[in-house]
Every structure is written in structure tokens, then in C-alpha cells.
Amino acid sequence: MKAKGFTLLELLVAMAIFATAGMAIMQSSAAHIRNLSQLDELTIASYVADNQMQLAMLDSQWPGKEKSQGEVNMANRQWLWQQKIGQLADNDLRLVQISVSLAEAPEQVLYQLQSYKGKPGV
């Protein structure tokens, strides 16, 4: 009578293959979750920068403060923004730059936006 089934060696090889596949899936899932978190941060940072840029464009003062900064709460997190206004060769235009970072890590700029603002009434 012939015995049916797997040998111990065959079971160990199968378990090693499944363990390797499981580890690969876990690493892939962890990387995906990290990427989603970064994407979420970048999206909210872009909203903060867009809002500050719109406020800078609506500001009636010319040329405006050369440098300003502030803090805003959005999506249950504190965000720091910094606005710089640069002079250009054309005196009727200014370069407006907005940088956004998390309040927890102010030195790490997550998003930067720039645009040009024309002198009102020109």
C-alpha cells in the first residue's frame, strides 16, 4: 500500500514560499499606506497655498509686505505658510511665492506656489 500526502520537506518549502509572498504583500501594503498619507498632506498643503495666493491677489496694498507668514488650521492639522514678494525688472509686476509646511516640521516645505501680481489700476 502506497502512502498518500506530502513529505515534511515539501511542506517546509511550501510554507517558505507562502511566508515570502506574505512578507512581499505586507511591504507593498505599508508602502501604499505611506504614499496615501503623503498624498493627503500634499493635497491639503496645496489648498492652503491656493487660499493664501488668492488672498495675496486680492490685497489692495501695493506692493504689499515683502515677507509675511501665518498659521492656519485645515483638516484637523496646523499648517504654516510663508509669503514672499519679489521685485521684477518690470516695476508694475511682483513675484508672489507661497510656501507651506506642517507646524510640526516647519523646516520641511511640502508645497510651494508662485504667481505674478500686477499693479492695481495699470
PDB file of N, CA and C in Angstrom:
ATOM      1  N   MET A   1       0.838  -1.179   0.000  1.00  0.00           N
ATOM      2  CA  MET A   1       0.000   0.000   0.000  1.00  0.00           C
ATOM      3  C   MET A   1       0.884   1.243   0.000  1.00  0.00           C
ATOM      4  N   LYS A   2       0.574   2.148  -0.896  1.00  0.00           N
ATOM      5  CA  LYS A   2       1.368   3.348  -1.071  1.00  0.00           C
ATOM      6  C   LYS A   2       0.773   4.477  -0.230  1.00  0.00           C
ATOM      7  N   ALA A   3       1.615   5.209   0.521  1.00  0.00           N
ATOM      8  CA  ALA A   3       1.146   6.330   1.351  1.00  0.00           C
ATOM      9  C   ALA A   3       0.897   7.547   0.469  1.00  0.00           C
ATOM     10  N   LYS A   4      -0.182   8.269   0.772  1.00  0.00           N
ATOM     11  CA  LYS A   4      -0.531   9.484   0.028  1.00  0.00           C
ATOM     12  C   LYS A   4      -0.312  10.685   0.939  1.00  0.00           C
ATOM     13  N   GLY A   5       0.098  11.796   0.366  1.00  0.00           N
ATOM     14  CA  GLY A   5       0.299  13.020   1.143  1.00  0.00           C
ATOM     15  C   GLY A   5       1.623  13.682   0.792  1.00  0.00           C
ATOM     16  N   PHE A   6       1.958  14.713   1.560  1.00  0.00           N
ATOM     17  CA  PHE A   6       3.173  15.490   1.327  1.00  0.00           C
ATOM     18  C   PHE A   6       4.246  15.081   2.320  1.00  0.00           C
ATOM     19  N   THR A   7       5.481  15.188   1.886  1.00  0.00           N
ATOM     20  CA  THR A   7       6.589  14.920   2.803  1.00  0.00           C
ATOM     21  C   THR A   7       6.844  16.186   3.623  1.00  0.00           C
ATOM     22  N   LEU A   8       7.586  16.029   4.689  1.00  0.00           N
ATOM     23  CA  LEU A   8       7.923  17.167   5.546  1.00  0.00           C
ATOM     24  C   LEU A   8       8.689  18.229   4.768  1.00  0.00           C
ATOM     25  N   LEU A   9       9.565  17.838   3.903  1.00  0.00           N
ATOM     26  CA  LEU A   9      10.349  18.769   3.098  1.00  0.00           C
ATOM     27  C   LEU A   9       9.439  19.583   2.166  1.00  0.00           C
ATOM     28  N   GLU A  10       8.489  18.918   1.540  1.00  0.00           N
ATOM     29  CA  GLU A  10       7.554  19.618   0.656  1.00  0.00           C
ATOM     30  C   GLU A  10       6.732  20.646   1.438  1.00  0.00           C
ATOM     31  N   LEU A  11       6.319  20.305   2.648  1.00  0.00           N
ATOM     32  CA  LEU A  11       5.556  21.250   3.474  1.00  0.00           C
ATOM     33  C   LEU A  11       6.406  22.448   3.874  1.00  0.00           C
ATOM     34  N   LEU A  12       7.656  22.215   4.222  1.00  0.00           N
ATOM     35  CA  LEU A  12       8.541  23.329   4.591  1.00  0.00           C
ATOM     36  C   LEU A  12       8.783  24.265   3.414  1.00  0.00           C
ATOM     37  N   VAL A  13       8.980  23.714   2.233  1.00  0.00           N
ATOM     38  CA  VAL A  13       9.178  24.546   1.035  1.00  0.00           C
ATOM     39  C   VAL A  13       7.920  25.370   0.745  1.00  0.00           C
ATOM     40  N   ALA A  14       6.762  24.739   0.847  1.00  0.00           N
ATOM     41  CA  ALA A  14       5.505  25.456   0.602  1.00  0.00           C
ATOM     42  C   ALA A  14       5.314  26.576   1.627  1.00  0.00           C
ATOM     43  N   MET A  15       5.624  26.303   2.888  1.00  0.00           N
ATOM     44  CA  MET A  15       5.479  27.336   3.923  1.00  0.00           C
ATOM     45  C   MET A  15       6.444  28.493   3.680  1.00  0.00           C
ATOM     46  N   ALA A  16       7.663  28.192   3.221  1.00  0.00           N
ATOM     47  CA  ALA A  16       8.633  29.245   2.922  1.00  0.00           C
ATOM     48  C   ALA A  16       8.146  30.120   1.762  1.00  0.00           C
ATOM     49  N   ILE A  17       7.568  29.502   0.768  1.00  0.00           N
ATOM     50  CA  ILE A  17       7.042  30.267  -0.374  1.00  0.00           C
ATOM     51  C   ILE A  17       5.895  31.172   0.068  1.00  0.00           C
ATOM     52  N   PHE A  18       4.967  30.644   0.849  1.00  0.00           N
ATOM     53  CA  PHE A  18       3.841  31.457   1.316  1.00  0.00           C
ATOM     54  C   PHE A  18       4.296  32.562   2.265  1.00  0.00           C
ATOM     55  N   ALA A  19       5.300  32.289   3.101  1.00  0.00           N
ATOM     56  CA  ALA A  19       5.820  33.320   4.006  1.00  0.00           C
ATOM     57  C   ALA A  19       6.466  34.456   3.225  1.00  0.00           C
ATOM     58  N   THR A  20       7.225  34.118   2.192  1.00  0.00           N
ATOM     59  CA  THR A  20       7.858  35.137   1.352  1.00  0.00           C
ATOM     60  C   THR A  20       6.801  35.974   0.632  1.00  0.00           C
ATOM     61  N   ALA A  21       5.803  35.317   0.106  1.00  0.00           N
ATOM     62  CA  ALA A  21       4.725  36.046  -0.576  1.00  0.00           C
ATOM     63  C   ALA A  21       3.982  36.947   0.414  1.00  0.00           C
ATOM     64  N   GLY A  22       3.736  36.457   1.606  1.00  0.00           N
ATOM     65  CA  GLY A  22       3.050  37.262   2.624  1.00  0.00           C
ATOM     66  C   GLY A  22       3.845  38.498   3.008  1.00  0.00           C
ATOM     67  N   MET A  23       5.158  38.350   3.164  1.00  0.00           N
ATOM     68  CA  MET A  23       6.014  39.500   3.504  1.00  0.00           C
ATOM     69  C   MET A  23       6.000  40.537   2.379  1.00  0.00           C
ATOM     70  N   ALA A  24       6.032  40.074   1.135  1.00  0.00           N
ATOM     71  CA  ALA A  24       6.003  40.990  -0.003  1.00  0.00           C
ATOM     72  C   ALA A  24       4.695  41.771  -0.038  1.00  0.00           C
ATOM     73  N   ILE A  25       3.605  41.102   0.247  1.00  0.00           N
ATOM     74  CA  ILE A  25       2.300  41.772   0.268  1.00  0.00           C
ATOM     75  C   ILE A  25       2.238  42.787   1.402  1.00  0.00           C
ATOM     76  N   MET A  26       2.762  42.432   2.568  1.00  0.00           N
ATOM     77  CA  MET A  26       2.763  43.363   3.705  1.00  0.00           C
ATOM     78  C   MET A  26       3.608  44.595   3.410  1.00  0.00           C
ATOM     79  N   GLN A  27       4.775  44.422   2.804  1.00  0.00           N
ATOM     80  CA  GLN A  27       5.623  45.562   2.463  1.00  0.00           C
ATOM     81  C   GLN A  27       4.947  46.454   1.429  1.00  0.00           C
ATOM     82  N   SER A  28       4.313  45.851   0.464  1.00  0.00           N
ATOM     83  CA  SER A  28       3.608  46.612  -0.559  1.00  0.00           C
ATOM     84  C   SER A  28       2.456  47.409   0.059  1.00  0.00           C
ATOM     85  N   SER A  29       1.730  46.811   0.965  1.00  0.00           N
ATOM     86  CA  SER A  29       0.621  47.499   1.629  1.00  0.00           C
ATOM     87  C   SER A  29       1.120  48.656   2.485  1.00  0.00           C
ATOM     88  N   ALA A  30       2.211  48.463   3.195  1.00  0.00           N
ATOM     89  CA  ALA A  30       2.779  49.523   4.030  1.00  0.00           C
ATOM     90  C   ALA A  30       3.237  50.700   3.173  1.00  0.00           C
ATOM     91  N   ALA A  31       3.870  50.415   2.042  1.00  0.00           N
ATOM     92  CA  ALA A  31       4.307  51.484   1.136  1.00  0.00           C
ATOM     93  C   ALA A  31       3.106  52.231   0.568  1.00  0.00           C
ATOM     94  N   HIS A  32       2.052  51.514   0.247  1.00  0.00           N
ATOM     95  CA  HIS A  32       0.841  52.138  -0.278  1.00  0.00           C
ATOM     96  C   HIS A  32       0.217  53.076   0.760  1.00  0.00           C
ATOM     97  N   ILE A  33       0.157  52.650   1.994  1.00  0.00           N
ATOM     98  CA  ILE A  33      -0.411  53.488   3.060  1.00  0.00           C
ATOM     99  C   ILE A  33       0.454  54.729   3.271  1.00  0.00           C
ATOM    100  N   ARG A  34       1.788  54.564   3.244  1.00  0.00           N
ATOM    101  CA  ARG A  34       2.679  55.721   3.375  1.00  0.00           C
ATOM    102  C   ARG A  34       2.452  56.715   2.239  1.00  0.00           C
ATOM    103  N   ASN A  35       2.323  56.202   1.021  1.00  0.00           N
ATOM    104  CA  ASN A  35       2.099  57.082  -0.127  1.00  0.00           C
ATOM    105  C   ASN A  35       0.770  57.819  -0.027  1.00  0.00           C
ATOM    106  N   LEU A  36      -0.267  57.143   0.464  1.00  0.00           N
ATOM    107  CA  LEU A  36      -1.557  57.811   0.641  1.00  0.00           C
ATOM    108  C   LEU A  36      -1.456  58.947   1.649  1.00  0.00           C
ATOM    109  N   SER A  37      -0.717  58.739   2.709  1.00  0.00           N
ATOM    110  CA  SER A  37      -0.529  59.764   3.731  1.00  0.00           C
ATOM    111  C   SER A  37       0.199  60.976   3.141  1.00  0.00           C
ATOM    112  N   GLN A  38       1.243  60.718   2.355  1.00  0.00           N
ATOM    113  CA  GLN A  38       1.975  61.820   1.727  1.00  0.00           C
ATOM    114  C   GLN A  38       1.100  62.563   0.723  1.00  0.00           C
ATOM    115  N   LEU A  39       0.311  61.835  -0.027  1.00  0.00           N
ATOM    116  CA  LEU A  39      -0.585  62.455  -0.995  1.00  0.00           C
ATOM    117  C   LEU A  39      -1.618  63.333  -0.293  1.00  0.00           C
ATOM    118  N   ASP A  40      -2.129  62.867   0.826  1.00  0.00           N
ATOM    119  CA  ASP A  40      -3.079  63.645   1.616  1.00  0.00           C
ATOM    120  C   ASP A  40      -2.436  64.942   2.098  1.00  0.00           C
ATOM    121  N   GLU A  41      -1.211  64.862   2.619  1.00  0.00           N
ATOM    122  CA  GLU A  41      -0.507  66.058   3.083  1.00  0.00           C
ATOM    123  C   GLU A  41      -0.271  67.040   1.943  1.00  0.00           C
ATOM    124  N   LEU A  42       0.161  66.539   0.796  1.00  0.00           N
ATOM    125  CA  LEU A  42       0.405  67.425  -0.351  1.00  0.00           C
ATOM    126  C   LEU A  42      -0.872  68.092  -0.843  1.00  0.00           C
ATOM    127  N   THR A  43      -1.968  67.369  -0.827  1.00  0.00           N
ATOM    128  CA  THR A  43      -3.243  67.932  -1.280  1.00  0.00           C
ATOM    129  C   THR A  43      -3.693  69.063  -0.359  1.00  0.00           C
ATOM    130  N   ILE A  44      -3.652  68.829   0.948  1.00  0.00           N
ATOM    131  CA  ILE A  44      -4.070  69.865   1.896  1.00  0.00           C
ATOM    132  C   ILE A  44      -3.112  71.051   1.839  1.00  0.00           C
ATOM    133  N   ALA A  45      -1.812  70.792   1.714  1.00  0.00           N
ATOM    134  CA  ALA A  45      -0.837  71.882   1.605  1.00  0.00           C
ATOM    135  C   ALA A  45      -1.110  72.728   0.359  1.00  0.00           C
ATOM    136  N   SER A  46      -1.518  72.087  -0.726  1.00  0.00           N
ATOM    137  CA  SER A  46      -1.833  72.854  -1.940  1.00  0.00           C
ATOM    138  C   SER A  46      -3.069  73.716  -1.736  1.00  0.00           C
ATOM    139  N   TYR A  47      -4.049  73.224  -0.972  1.00  0.00           N
ATOM    140  CA  TYR A  47      -5.233  74.038  -0.663  1.00  0.00           C
ATOM    141  C   TYR A  47      -4.848  75.267   0.152  1.00  0.00           C
ATOM    142  N   VAL A  48      -3.977  75.077   1.133  1.00  0.00           N
ATOM    143  CA  VAL A  48      -3.528  76.203   1.960  1.00  0.00           C
ATOM    144  C   VAL A  48      -2.806  77.226   1.089  1.00  0.00           C
ATOM    145  N   ALA A  49      -1.905  76.756   0.222  1.00  0.00           N
ATOM    146  CA  ALA A  49      -1.164  77.661  -0.657  1.00  0.00           C
ATOM    147  C   ALA A  49      -2.099  78.394  -1.615  1.00  0.00           C
ATOM    148  N   ASP A  50      -3.069  77.694  -2.188  1.00  0.00           N
ATOM    149  CA  ASP A  50      -4.031  78.333  -3.092  1.00  0.00           C
ATOM    150  C   ASP A  50      -4.830  79.417  -2.379  1.00  0.00           C
ATOM    151  N   ASN A  51      -5.273  79.120  -1.160  1.00  0.00           N
ATOM    152  CA  ASN A  51      -6.030  80.117  -0.396  1.00  0.00           C
ATOM    153  C   ASN A  51      -5.192  81.359  -0.114  1.00  0.00           C
ATOM    154  N   GLN A  52      -3.950  81.160   0.298  1.00  0.00           N
ATOM    155  CA  GLN A  52      -3.085  82.308   0.591  1.00  0.00           C
ATOM    156  C   GLN A  52      -2.752  83.091  -0.677  1.00  0.00           C
ATOM    157  N   MET A  53      -2.604  82.404  -1.787  1.00  0.00           N
ATOM    158  CA  MET A  53      -2.327  83.092  -3.054  1.00  0.00           C
ATOM    159  C   MET A  53      -3.517  83.953  -3.461  1.00  0.00           C
ATOM    160  N   GLN A  54      -4.723  83.431  -3.294  1.00  0.00           N
ATOM    161  CA  GLN A  54      -5.909  84.215  -3.624  1.00  0.00           C
ATOM    162  C   GLN A  54      -6.009  85.457  -2.744  1.00  0.00           C
ATOM    163  N   LEU A  55      -5.688  85.306  -1.462  1.00  0.00           N
ATOM    164  CA  LEU A  55      -5.703  86.466  -0.559  1.00  0.00           C
ATOM    165  C   LEU A  55      -4.642  87.485  -0.968  1.00  0.00           C
ATOM    166  N   ALA A  56      -3.484  87.020  -1.395  1.00  0.00           N
ATOM    167  CA  ALA A  56      -2.423  87.925  -1.851  1.00  0.00           C
ATOM    168  C   ALA A  56      -2.852  88.666  -3.111  1.00  0.00           C
ATOM    169  N   MET A  57      -3.557  87.973  -4.008  1.00  0.00           N
ATOM    170  CA  MET A  57      -4.014  88.617  -5.240  1.00  0.00           C
ATOM    171  C   MET A  57      -5.114  89.646  -4.969  1.00  0.00           C
ATOM    172  N   LEU A  58      -5.892  89.420  -3.930  1.00  0.00           N
ATOM    173  CA  LEU A  58      -6.977  90.348  -3.586  1.00  0.00           C
ATOM    174  C   LEU A  58      -6.507  91.520  -2.734  1.00  0.00           C
ATOM    175  N   ASP A  59      -5.294  91.439  -2.207  1.00  0.00           N
ATOM    176  CA  ASP A  59      -4.760  92.505  -1.353  1.00  0.00           C
ATOM    177  C   ASP A  59      -4.612  93.781  -2.175  1.00  0.00           C
ATOM    178  N   SER A  60      -5.194  94.872  -1.686  1.00  0.00           N
ATOM    179  CA  SER A  60      -5.172  96.132  -2.433  1.00  0.00           C
ATOM    180  C   SER A  60      -3.897  96.937  -2.190  1.00  0.00           C
ATOM    181  N   GLN A  61      -3.100  96.568  -1.200  1.00  0.00           N
ATOM    182  CA  GLN A  61      -1.863  97.304  -0.937  1.00  0.00           C
ATOM    183  C   GLN A  61      -0.815  96.957  -1.990  1.00  0.00           C
ATOM    184  N   TRP A  62      -0.098  97.986  -2.460  1.00  0.00           N
ATOM    185  CA  TRP A  62       0.951  97.754  -3.441  1.00  0.00           C
ATOM    186  C   TRP A  62       2.263  98.234  -2.894  1.00  0.00           C
ATOM    187  N   PRO A  63       3.305  97.555  -2.936  1.00  0.00           N
ATOM    188  CA  PRO A  63       3.450  96.197  -3.437  1.00  0.00           C
ATOM    189  C   PRO A  63       3.093  95.148  -2.397  1.00  0.00           C
ATOM    190  N   GLY A  64       2.742  95.542  -1.193  1.00  0.00           N
ATOM    191  CA  GLY A  64       2.446  94.576  -0.133  1.00  0.00           C
ATOM    192  C   GLY A  64       3.698  94.307   0.690  1.00  0.00           C
ATOM    193  N   LYS A  65       3.508  93.611   1.799  1.00  0.00           N
ATOM    194  CA  LYS A  65       4.657  93.278   2.645  1.00  0.00           C
ATOM    195  C   LYS A  65       5.612  92.370   1.884  1.00  0.00           C
ATOM    196  N   GLU A  66       6.896  92.657   2.032  1.00  0.00           N
ATOM    197  CA  GLU A  66       7.894  91.846   1.334  1.00  0.00           C
ATOM    198  C   GLU A  66       7.877  90.401   1.822  1.00  0.00           C
ATOM    199  N   LYS A  67       7.606  90.225   3.114  1.00  0.00           N
ATOM    200  CA  LYS A  67       7.582  88.881   3.685  1.00  0.00           C
ATOM    201  C   LYS A  67       6.506  88.845   4.766  1.00  0.00           C
ATOM    202  N   SER A  68       5.678  87.815   4.722  1.00  0.00           N
ATOM    203  CA  SER A  68       4.677  87.613   5.771  1.00  0.00           C
ATOM    204  C   SER A  68       4.482  86.120   5.970  1.00  0.00           C
ATOM    205  N   GLN A  69       3.954  85.784   7.122  1.00  0.00           N
ATOM    206  CA  GLN A  69       3.738  84.368   7.424  1.00  0.00           C
ATOM    207  C   GLN A  69       2.575  84.239   8.390  1.00  0.00           C
ATOM    208  N   GLY A  70       2.076  83.039   8.495  1.00  0.00           N
ATOM    209  CA  GLY A  70       0.958  82.794   9.388  1.00  0.00           C
ATOM    210  C   GLY A  70       0.718  81.309   9.583  1.00  0.00           C
ATOM    211  N   GLU A  71      -0.305  81.032  10.346  1.00  0.00           N
ATOM    212  CA  GLU A  71      -0.664  79.658  10.670  1.00  0.00           C
ATOM    213  C   GLU A  71      -2.152  79.492  10.407  1.00  0.00           C
ATOM    214  N   VAL A  72      -2.515  78.340   9.881  1.00  0.00           N
ATOM    215  CA  VAL A  72      -3.915  78.067   9.581  1.00  0.00           C
ATOM    216  C   VAL A  72      -4.222  76.620   9.965  1.00  0.00           C
ATOM    217  N   ASN A  73      -5.449  76.393  10.399  1.00  0.00           N
ATOM    218  CA  ASN A  73      -5.895  75.054  10.747  1.00  0.00           C
ATOM    219  C   ASN A  73      -6.769  74.541   9.606  1.00  0.00           C
ATOM    220  N   MET A  74      -6.357  73.424   9.020  1.00  0.00           N
ATOM    221  CA  MET A  74      -7.142  72.820   7.947  1.00  0.00           C
ATOM    222  C   MET A  74      -7.002  71.307   8.057  1.00  0.00           C
ATOM    223  N   ALA A  75      -8.110  70.606   7.936  1.00  0.00           N
ATOM    224  CA  ALA A  75      -8.143  69.134   8.007  1.00  0.00           C
ATOM    225  C   ALA A  75      -7.558  68.642   9.333  1.00  0.00           C
ATOM    226  N   ASN A  76      -7.923  69.328  10.401  1.00  0.00           N
ATOM    227  CA  ASN A  76      -7.505  68.964  11.759  1.00  0.00           C
ATOM    228  C   ASN A  76      -5.996  68.968  11.955  1.00  0.00           C
ATOM    229  N   ARG A  77      -5.296  69.787  11.208  1.00  0.00           N
ATOM    230  CA  ARG A  77      -3.845  69.927  11.360  1.00  0.00           C
ATOM    231  C   ARG A  77      -3.480  71.395  11.270  1.00  0.00           C
ATOM    232  N   GLN A  78      -2.370  71.737  11.896  1.00  0.00           N
ATOM    233  CA  GLN A  78      -1.860  73.105  11.836  1.00  0.00           C
ATOM    234  C   GLN A  78      -0.843  73.209  10.697  1.00  0.00           C
ATOM    235  N   TRP A  79      -1.028  74.222   9.872  1.00  0.00           N
ATOM    236  CA  TRP A  79      -0.163  74.449   8.725  1.00  0.00           C
ATOM    237  C   TRP A  79       0.469  75.826   8.845  1.00  0.00           C
ATOM    238  N   LEU A  80       1.738  75.940   8.480  1.00  0.00           N
ATOM    239  CA  LEU A  80       2.431  77.215   8.436  1.00  0.00           C
ATOM    240  C   LEU A  80       2.598  77.633   6.972  1.00  0.00           C
ATOM    241  N   TRP A  81       2.324  78.895   6.704  1.00  0.00           N
ATOM    242  CA  TRP A  81       2.538  79.403   5.351  1.00  0.00           C
ATOM    243  C   TRP A  81       3.459  80.612   5.427  1.00  0.00           C
ATOM    244  N   GLN A  82       4.210  80.809   4.379  1.00  0.00           N
ATOM    245  CA  GLN A  82       5.099  81.952   4.290  1.00  0.00           C
ATOM    246  C   GLN A  82       4.964  82.554   2.896  1.00  0.00           C
ATOM    247  N   GLN A  83       4.803  83.859   2.880  1.00  0.00           N
ATOM    248  CA  GLN A  83       4.637  84.565   1.605  1.00  0.00           C
ATOM    249  C   GLN A  83       5.806  85.520   1.409  1.00  0.00           C
ATOM    250  N   LYS A  84       6.411  85.459   0.228  1.00  0.00           N
ATOM    251  CA  LYS A  84       7.486  86.376  -0.130  1.00  0.00           C
ATOM    252  C   LYS A  84       7.076  87.099  -1.403  1.00  0.00           C
ATOM    253  N   ILE A  85       7.318  88.390  -1.423  1.00  0.00           N
ATOM    254  CA  ILE A  85       7.041  89.174  -2.629  1.00  0.00           C
ATOM    255  C   ILE A  85       8.370  89.665  -3.169  1.00  0.00           C
ATOM    256  N   GLY A  86       8.641  89.317  -4.409  1.00  0.00           N
ATOM    257  CA  GLY A  86       9.901  89.695  -5.042  1.00  0.00           C
ATOM    258  C   GLY A  86       9.695  90.724  -6.132  1.00  0.00           C
ATOM    259  N   GLN A  87      10.694  91.575  -6.279  1.00  0.00           N
ATOM    260  CA  GLN A  87      10.630  92.613  -7.297  1.00  0.00           C
ATOM    261  C   GLN A  87      11.157  92.062  -8.620  1.00  0.00           C
ATOM    262  N   LEU A  88      10.588  92.531  -9.709  1.00  0.00           N
ATOM    263  CA  LEU A  88      10.979  92.109 -11.051  1.00  0.00           C
ATOM    264  C   LEU A  88      11.515  93.307 -11.825  1.00  0.00           C
ATOM    265  N   ALA A  89      12.030  93.061 -13.011  1.00  0.00           N
ATOM    266  CA  ALA A  89      12.540  94.149 -13.854  1.00  0.00           C
ATOM    267  C   ALA A  89      11.425  95.135 -14.203  1.00  0.00           C
ATOM    268  N   ASP A  90      10.220  94.628 -14.390  1.00  0.00           N
ATOM    269  CA  ASP A  90       9.051  95.470 -14.652  1.00  0.00           C
ATOM    270  C   ASP A  90       8.492  95.939 -13.307  1.00  0.00           C
ATOM    271  N   ASN A  91       8.492  97.243 -13.082  1.00  0.00           N
ATOM    272  CA  ASN A  91       8.045  97.786 -11.791  1.00  0.00           C
ATOM    273  C   ASN A  91       6.544  97.649 -11.559  1.00  0.00           C
ATOM    274  N   ASP A  92       5.797  97.259 -12.595  1.00  0.00           N
ATOM    275  CA  ASP A  92       4.354  97.070 -12.448  1.00  0.00           C
ATOM    276  C   ASP A  92       3.995  95.621 -12.114  1.00  0.00           C
ATOM    277  N   LEU A  93       4.986  94.763 -11.941  1.00  0.00           N
ATOM    278  CA  LEU A  93       4.755  93.354 -11.610  1.00  0.00           C
ATOM    279  C   LEU A  93       5.541  92.968 -10.364  1.00  0.00           C
ATOM    280  N   ARG A  94       4.972  92.045  -9.624  1.00  0.00           N
ATOM    281  CA  ARG A  94       5.663  91.465  -8.469  1.00  0.00           C
ATOM    282  C   ARG A  94       5.515  89.941  -8.526  1.00  0.00           C
ATOM    283  N   LEU A  95       6.549  89.230  -8.073  1.00  0.00           N
ATOM    284  CA  LEU A  95       6.520  87.774  -7.958  1.00  0.00           C
ATOM    285  C   LEU A  95       6.047  87.438  -6.557  1.00  0.00           C
ATOM    286  N   VAL A  96       4.982  86.646  -6.462  1.00  0.00           N
ATOM    287  CA  VAL A  96       4.441  86.226  -5.173  1.00  0.00           C
ATOM    288  C   VAL A  96       4.732  84.739  -5.016  1.00  0.00           C
ATOM    289  N   GLN A  97       5.437  84.391  -3.924  1.00  0.00           N
ATOM    290  CA  GLN A  97       5.764  82.997  -3.634  1.00  0.00           C
ATOM    291  C   GLN A  97       5.142  82.605  -2.297  1.00  0.00           C
ATOM    292  N   ILE A  98       4.453  81.484  -2.290  1.00  0.00           N
ATOM    293  CA  ILE A  98       3.836  80.948  -1.076  1.00  0.00           C
ATOM    294  C   ILE A  98       4.464  79.580  -0.801  1.00  0.00           C
ATOM    295  N   SER A  99       4.947  79.387   0.423  1.00  0.00           N
ATOM    296  CA  SER A  99       5.491  78.099   0.863  1.00  0.00           C
ATOM    297  C   SER A  99       4.655  77.594   2.023  1.00  0.00           C
ATOM    298  N   VAL A 100       4.373  76.297   2.045  1.00  0.00           N
ATOM    299  CA  VAL A 100       3.538  75.699   3.091  1.00  0.00           C
ATOM    300  C   VAL A 100       4.263  74.512   3.711  1.00  0.00           C
ATOM    301  N   SER A 101       4.188  74.435   5.038  1.00  0.00           N
ATOM    302  CA  SER A 101       4.762  73.303   5.764  1.00  0.00           C
ATOM    303  C   SER A 101       3.853  72.972   6.941  1.00  0.00           C
ATOM    304  N   LEU A 102       4.047  71.810   7.501  1.00  0.00           N
ATOM    305  CA  LEU A 102       3.310  71.430   8.703  1.00  0.00           C
ATOM    306  C   LEU A 102       3.902  72.157   9.901  1.00  0.00           C
ATOM    307  N   ALA A 103       3.067  72.513  10.877  1.00  0.00           N
ATOM    308  CA  ALA A 103       3.553  73.186  12.072  1.00  0.00           C
ATOM    309  C   ALA A 103       4.515  72.287  12.850  1.00  0.00           C
ATOM    310  N   GLU A 104       4.347  70.972  12.735  1.00  0.00           N
ATOM    311  CA  GLU A 104       5.216  70.019  13.434  1.00  0.00           C
ATOM    312  C   GLU A 104       6.625  70.011  12.857  1.00  0.00           C
ATOM    313  N   ALA A 105       6.748  70.325  11.578  1.00  0.00           N
ATOM    314  CA  ALA A 105       8.050  70.313  10.894  1.00  0.00           C
ATOM    315  C   ALA A 105       8.159  71.547  10.012  1.00  0.00           C
ATOM    316  N   PRO A 106       8.346  72.723  10.619  1.00  0.00           N
ATOM    317  CA  PRO A 106       8.328  73.969   9.827  1.00  0.00           C
ATOM    318  C   PRO A 106       9.464  74.086   8.821  1.00  0.00           C
ATOM    319  N   GLU A 107      10.567  73.365   9.033  1.00  0.00           N
ATOM    320  CA  GLU A 107      11.699  73.478   8.119  1.00  0.00           C
ATOM    321  C   GLU A 107      11.492  72.695   6.832  1.00  0.00           C
ATOM    322  N   GLN A 108      10.528  71.785   6.804  1.00  0.00           N
ATOM    323  CA  GLN A 108      10.280  70.949   5.624  1.00  0.00           C
ATOM    324  C   GLN A 108       9.111  71.526   4.825  1.00  0.00           C
ATOM    325  N   VAL A 109       9.428  72.176   3.722  1.00  0.00           N
ATOM    326  CA  VAL A 109       8.403  72.757   2.854  1.00  0.00           C
ATOM    327  C   VAL A 109       7.758  71.641   2.052  1.00  0.00           C
ATOM    328  N   LEU A 110       6.432  71.500   2.193  1.00  0.00           N
ATOM    329  CA  LEU A 110       5.702  70.448   1.487  1.00  0.00           C
ATOM    330  C   LEU A 110       5.208  70.905   0.121  1.00  0.00           C
ATOM    331  N   TYR A 111       4.898  72.202   0.021  1.00  0.00           N
ATOM    332  CA  TYR A 111       4.311  72.688  -1.222  1.00  0.00           C
ATOM    333  C   TYR A 111       4.721  74.136  -1.422  1.00  0.00           C
ATOM    334  N   GLN A 112       5.029  74.491  -2.649  1.00  0.00           N
ATOM    335  CA  GLN A 112       5.380  75.872  -2.962  1.00  0.00           C
ATOM    336  C   GLN A 112       4.636  76.293  -4.216  1.00  0.00           C
ATOM    337  N   LEU A 113       4.134  77.522  -4.189  1.00  0.00           N
ATOM    338  CA  LEU A 113       3.339  78.048  -5.292  1.00  0.00           C
ATOM    339  C   LEU A 113       3.826  79.451  -5.598  1.00  0.00           C
ATOM    340  N   GLN A 114       3.891  79.797  -6.859  1.00  0.00           N
ATOM    341  CA  GLN A 114       4.270  81.161  -7.210  1.00  0.00           C
ATOM    342  C   GLN A 114       3.420  81.676  -8.358  1.00  0.00           C
ATOM    343  N   SER A 115       3.247  83.000  -8.354  1.00  0.00           N
ATOM    344  CA  SER A 115       2.474  83.655  -9.393  1.00  0.00           C
ATOM    345  C   SER A 115       2.932  85.096  -9.495  1.00  0.00           C
ATOM    346  N   TYR A 116       2.372  85.816 -10.435  1.00  0.00           N
ATOM    347  CA  TYR A 116       2.721  87.210 -10.634  1.00  0.00           C
ATOM    348  C   TYR A 116       1.506  88.074 -10.366  1.00  0.00           C
ATOM    349  N   LYS A 117       1.758  89.210  -9.728  1.00  0.00           N
ATOM    350  CA  LYS A 117       0.669  90.138  -9.417  1.00  0.00           C
ATOM    351  C   LYS A 117       0.988  91.471 -10.079  1.00  0.00           C
ATOM    352  N   GLY A 118      -0.020  91.981 -10.785  1.00  0.00           N
ATOM    353  CA  GLY A 118       0.161  93.266 -11.451  1.00  0.00           C
ATOM    354  C   GLY A 118      -0.261  94.419 -10.557  1.00  0.00           C
ATOM    355  N   LYS A 119       0.313  95.575 -10.810  1.00  0.00           N
ATOM    356  CA  LYS A 119      -0.009  96.785 -10.059  1.00  0.00           C
ATOM    357  C   LYS A 119      -1.458  97.173 -10.332  1.00  0.00           C
ATOM    358  N   PRO A 120      -2.237  97.402  -9.272  1.00  0.00           N
ATOM    359  CA  PRO A 120      -3.648  97.774  -9.487  1.00  0.00           C
ATOM    360  C   PRO A 120      -3.772  99.080 -10.280  1.00  0.00           C
ATOM    361  N   GLY A 121      -4.712  99.114 -11.167  1.00  0.00           N
ATOM    362  CA  GLY A 121      -5.016 100.323 -11.937  1.00  0.00           C
ATOM    363  C   GLY A 121      -4.106 100.539 -13.118  1.00  0.00           C
ATOM    364  N   VAL A 122      -3.241  99.590 -13.430  1.00  0.00           N
ATOM    365  CA  VAL A 122      -2.335  99.773 -14.574  1.00  0.00           C
ATOM    366  C   VAL A 122      -2.870  99.042 -15.771  1.00  0.00           C
TER     367      VAL A 122
END
